[in-house]
Amino acid sequence: MKLDDVIGDTGVGGVTSLQMQLAAILAELRLLTVKVKEDTRDKRVAGEWKFMAMVIDRLCFYIFIVLFFVATLVVFRHQLF
């Protein structure tokens, strides 16, 4: 049994209104699928950038701490002598 047999009423060129609706739904689903894939990719890329920012932030923090202690030792050494 075909879909046309169940529907019975054919529109222009043998295409029923149900088939046109199904085609429209399929087009919308494809659009949604593309949007979800793009959103997933964008979230992954954003996550990678956030991780890189965290790594650079931590590296800068460690450099700051080392330079802070070195500068403090230099200042105290000059004041003592």
N, C-alpha and C. Protein backbone atom coordinates (compact mmCIF):
# COMPACT_ATOMS: atom_id res chain seq x y z
N MET A 1 0.85 -1.18 0.00
CA MET A 1 0.00 0.00 0.00
C MET A 1 0.89 1.24 0.00
N LYS A 2 0.60 2.15 -0.90
CA LYS A 2 1.37 3.39 -1.02
C LYS A 2 0.69 4.50 -0.25
N LEU A 3 1.46 5.57 -0.02
CA LEU A 3 0.91 6.74 0.66
C LEU A 3 -0.20 7.37 -0.17
N ASP A 4 -0.05 7.37 -1.50
CA ASP A 4 -1.08 7.95 -2.38
C ASP A 4 -2.40 7.18 -2.27
N ASP A 5 -2.32 5.87 -2.07
CA ASP A 5 -3.53 5.07 -1.94
C ASP A 5 -4.29 5.42 -0.66
N VAL A 6 -3.57 5.71 0.39
CA VAL A 6 -4.20 6.07 1.65
C VAL A 6 -4.83 7.45 1.55
N ILE A 7 -4.10 8.39 0.91
CA ILE A 7 -4.56 9.77 0.83
C ILE A 7 -5.66 9.90 -0.21
N GLY A 8 -5.41 9.38 -1.38
CA GLY A 8 -6.41 9.41 -2.43
C GLY A 8 -6.43 10.69 -3.25
N ASP A 9 -6.44 11.85 -2.63
CA ASP A 9 -6.57 13.14 -3.33
C ASP A 9 -5.18 13.62 -3.75
N THR A 10 -4.94 13.71 -5.05
CA THR A 10 -3.65 14.21 -5.52
C THR A 10 -3.81 15.63 -5.98
N GLY A 11 -2.75 16.40 -5.77
CA GLY A 11 -2.77 17.81 -6.16
C GLY A 11 -2.16 17.97 -7.53
N VAL A 12 -1.54 19.10 -7.76
CA VAL A 12 -0.94 19.44 -9.04
C VAL A 12 0.25 18.52 -9.31
N GLY A 13 0.27 17.92 -10.50
CA GLY A 13 1.39 17.09 -10.90
C GLY A 13 1.50 15.82 -10.08
N GLY A 14 0.44 15.36 -9.48
CA GLY A 14 0.48 14.12 -8.70
C GLY A 14 1.04 14.28 -7.30
N VAL A 15 1.36 15.49 -6.89
CA VAL A 15 1.91 15.73 -5.56
C VAL A 15 0.78 16.15 -4.64
N THR A 16 0.60 15.43 -3.57
CA THR A 16 -0.47 15.75 -2.64
C THR A 16 -0.05 16.85 -1.69
N SER A 17 -1.05 17.41 -1.05
CA SER A 17 -0.74 18.45 -0.07
C SER A 17 0.03 17.85 1.10
N LEU A 18 -0.25 16.57 1.40
CA LEU A 18 0.49 15.92 2.49
C LEU A 18 1.96 15.75 2.11
N GLN A 19 2.22 15.40 0.86
CA GLN A 19 3.60 15.26 0.41
C GLN A 19 4.32 16.61 0.44
N MET A 20 3.63 17.68 0.10
CA MET A 20 4.24 19.01 0.18
C MET A 20 4.53 19.38 1.63
N GLN A 21 3.60 19.02 2.51
CA GLN A 21 3.82 19.29 3.93
C GLN A 21 5.00 18.48 4.47
N LEU A 22 5.06 17.22 4.05
CA LEU A 22 6.18 16.38 4.48
C LEU A 22 7.51 16.92 3.95
N ALA A 23 7.50 17.42 2.72
CA ALA A 23 8.72 18.02 2.15
C ALA A 23 9.11 19.27 2.93
N ALA A 24 8.11 20.07 3.33
CA ALA A 24 8.39 21.27 4.12
C ALA A 24 8.95 20.89 5.50
N ILE A 25 8.37 19.85 6.10
CA ILE A 25 8.86 19.38 7.40
C ILE A 25 10.29 18.87 7.27
N LEU A 26 10.57 18.12 6.20
CA LEU A 26 11.92 17.61 5.97
C LEU A 26 12.91 18.76 5.80
N ALA A 27 12.51 19.78 5.09
CA ALA A 27 13.39 20.95 4.90
C ALA A 27 13.67 21.63 6.24
N GLU A 28 12.65 21.75 7.08
CA GLU A 28 12.82 22.36 8.40
C GLU A 28 13.73 21.51 9.28
N LEU A 29 13.56 20.19 9.22
CA LEU A 29 14.42 19.30 10.00
C LEU A 29 15.87 19.41 9.56
N ARG A 30 16.09 19.52 8.26
CA ARG A 30 17.46 19.69 7.76
C ARG A 30 18.06 21.00 8.26
N LEU A 31 17.24 22.05 8.25
CA LEU A 31 17.69 23.35 8.74
C LEU A 31 18.05 23.26 10.23
N LEU A 32 17.19 22.61 11.01
CA LEU A 32 17.45 22.46 12.44
C LEU A 32 18.71 21.62 12.69
N THR A 33 18.89 20.59 11.89
CA THR A 33 20.07 19.74 12.04
C THR A 33 21.34 20.53 11.79
N VAL A 34 21.34 21.34 10.75
CA VAL A 34 22.49 22.18 10.43
C VAL A 34 22.75 23.16 11.57
N LYS A 35 21.69 23.76 12.10
CA LYS A 35 21.82 24.73 13.19
C LYS A 35 22.40 24.07 14.44
N VAL A 36 21.93 22.88 14.78
CA VAL A 36 22.43 22.17 15.96
C VAL A 36 23.90 21.81 15.77
N LYS A 37 24.28 21.36 14.57
CA LYS A 37 25.69 21.03 14.30
C LYS A 37 26.57 22.28 14.43
N GLU A 38 26.09 23.41 13.90
CA GLU A 38 26.86 24.65 14.01
C GLU A 38 27.00 25.09 15.46
N ASP A 39 25.91 24.98 16.22
CA ASP A 39 25.96 25.36 17.63
C ASP A 39 26.92 24.47 18.41
N THR A 40 26.90 23.17 18.11
CA THR A 40 27.81 22.24 18.77
C THR A 40 29.25 22.59 18.45
N ARG A 41 29.53 22.88 17.18
CA ARG A 41 30.89 23.25 16.79
C ARG A 41 31.31 24.56 17.46
N ASP A 42 30.40 25.54 17.50
CA ASP A 42 30.72 26.82 18.13
C ASP A 42 31.00 26.65 19.61
N LYS A 43 30.24 25.79 20.30
CA LYS A 43 30.48 25.55 21.72
C LYS A 43 31.83 24.88 21.94
N ARG A 44 32.18 23.95 21.06
CA ARG A 44 33.47 23.27 21.18
C ARG A 44 34.62 24.26 21.00
N VAL A 45 34.51 25.11 19.98
CA VAL A 45 35.55 26.11 19.72
C VAL A 45 35.64 27.10 20.88
N ALA A 46 34.51 27.53 21.40
CA ALA A 46 34.51 28.45 22.54
C ALA A 46 35.15 27.80 23.76
N GLY A 47 34.89 26.52 23.96
CA GLY A 47 35.50 25.80 25.07
C GLY A 47 37.01 25.71 24.93
N GLU A 48 37.47 25.49 23.70
CA GLU A 48 38.92 25.44 23.47
C GLU A 48 39.57 26.79 23.74
N TRP A 49 38.91 27.88 23.32
CA TRP A 49 39.46 29.22 23.57
C TRP A 49 39.46 29.54 25.07
N LYS A 50 38.42 29.11 25.78
CA LYS A 50 38.38 29.34 27.22
C LYS A 50 39.50 28.59 27.92
N PHE A 51 39.77 27.37 27.47
CA PHE A 51 40.87 26.60 28.06
C PHE A 51 42.21 27.29 27.81
N MET A 52 42.41 27.77 26.57
CA MET A 52 43.66 28.48 26.27
C MET A 52 43.79 29.75 27.11
N ALA A 53 42.70 30.46 27.31
CA ALA A 53 42.73 31.66 28.13
C ALA A 53 43.10 31.31 29.57
N MET A 54 42.57 30.19 30.06
CA MET A 54 42.89 29.77 31.43
C MET A 54 44.37 29.41 31.56
N VAL A 55 44.91 28.73 30.55
CA VAL A 55 46.33 28.36 30.58
C VAL A 55 47.21 29.61 30.55
N ILE A 56 46.91 30.54 29.68
CA ILE A 56 47.70 31.77 29.58
C ILE A 56 47.57 32.60 30.85
N ASP A 57 46.37 32.63 31.43
CA ASP A 57 46.16 33.36 32.69
C ASP A 57 47.01 32.76 33.80
N ARG A 58 47.02 31.45 33.90
CA ARG A 58 47.81 30.79 34.94
C ARG A 58 49.30 31.01 34.72
N LEU A 59 49.75 30.95 33.48
CA LEU A 59 51.16 31.19 33.17
C LEU A 59 51.56 32.62 33.56
N CYS A 60 50.73 33.58 33.22
CA CYS A 60 51.02 34.97 33.59
C CYS A 60 51.04 35.14 35.11
N PHE A 61 50.17 34.44 35.81
CA PHE A 61 50.14 34.51 37.27
C PHE A 61 51.46 33.99 37.85
N TYR A 62 51.93 32.85 37.36
CA TYR A 62 53.19 32.30 37.86
C TYR A 62 54.37 33.23 37.55
N ILE A 63 54.39 33.80 36.37
CA ILE A 63 55.45 34.75 36.03
C ILE A 63 55.40 35.95 36.96
N PHE A 64 54.20 36.45 37.24
CA PHE A 64 54.04 37.58 38.16
C PHE A 64 54.57 37.23 39.54
N ILE A 65 54.22 36.06 40.06
CA ILE A 65 54.67 35.66 41.40
C ILE A 65 56.19 35.59 41.45
N VAL A 66 56.81 34.99 40.46
CA VAL A 66 58.27 34.87 40.45
C VAL A 66 58.90 36.26 40.39
N LEU A 67 58.44 37.11 39.49
CA LEU A 67 59.00 38.45 39.38
C LEU A 67 58.76 39.28 40.64
N PHE A 68 57.62 39.08 41.27
CA PHE A 68 57.31 39.80 42.51
C PHE A 68 58.31 39.43 43.60
N PHE A 69 58.57 38.13 43.78
CA PHE A 69 59.51 37.71 44.81
C PHE A 69 60.94 38.13 44.48
N VAL A 70 61.32 38.07 43.23
CA VAL A 70 62.67 38.50 42.83
C VAL A 70 62.81 40.00 43.10
N ALA A 71 61.83 40.79 42.74
CA ALA A 71 61.89 42.24 42.98
C ALA A 71 61.93 42.54 44.47
N THR A 72 61.15 41.80 45.24
CA THR A 72 61.16 41.99 46.69
C THR A 72 62.52 41.68 47.28
N LEU A 73 63.13 40.60 46.85
CA LEU A 73 64.45 40.24 47.35
C LEU A 73 65.49 41.29 46.95
N VAL A 74 65.39 41.80 45.72
CA VAL A 74 66.33 42.83 45.26
C VAL A 74 66.16 44.10 46.12
N VAL A 75 64.95 44.50 46.39
CA VAL A 75 64.72 45.71 47.19
C VAL A 75 65.24 45.51 48.60
N PHE A 76 64.94 44.38 49.23
CA PHE A 76 65.43 44.13 50.59
C PHE A 76 66.95 44.03 50.64
N ARG A 77 67.55 43.46 49.64
CA ARG A 77 69.01 43.32 49.63
C ARG A 77 69.67 44.70 49.53
N HIS A 78 69.10 45.60 48.71
CA HIS A 78 69.66 46.93 48.58
C HIS A 78 69.45 47.75 49.85
N GLN A 79 68.40 47.51 50.57
CA GLN A 79 68.14 48.25 51.79
C GLN A 79 69.03 47.77 52.92
N LEU A 80 69.39 46.51 52.91
CA LEU A 80 70.24 45.97 53.98
C LEU A 80 71.71 46.37 53.79
N PHE A 81 72.11 46.56 52.55
CA PHE A 81 73.53 46.86 52.31
C PHE A 81 73.72 48.26 51.85
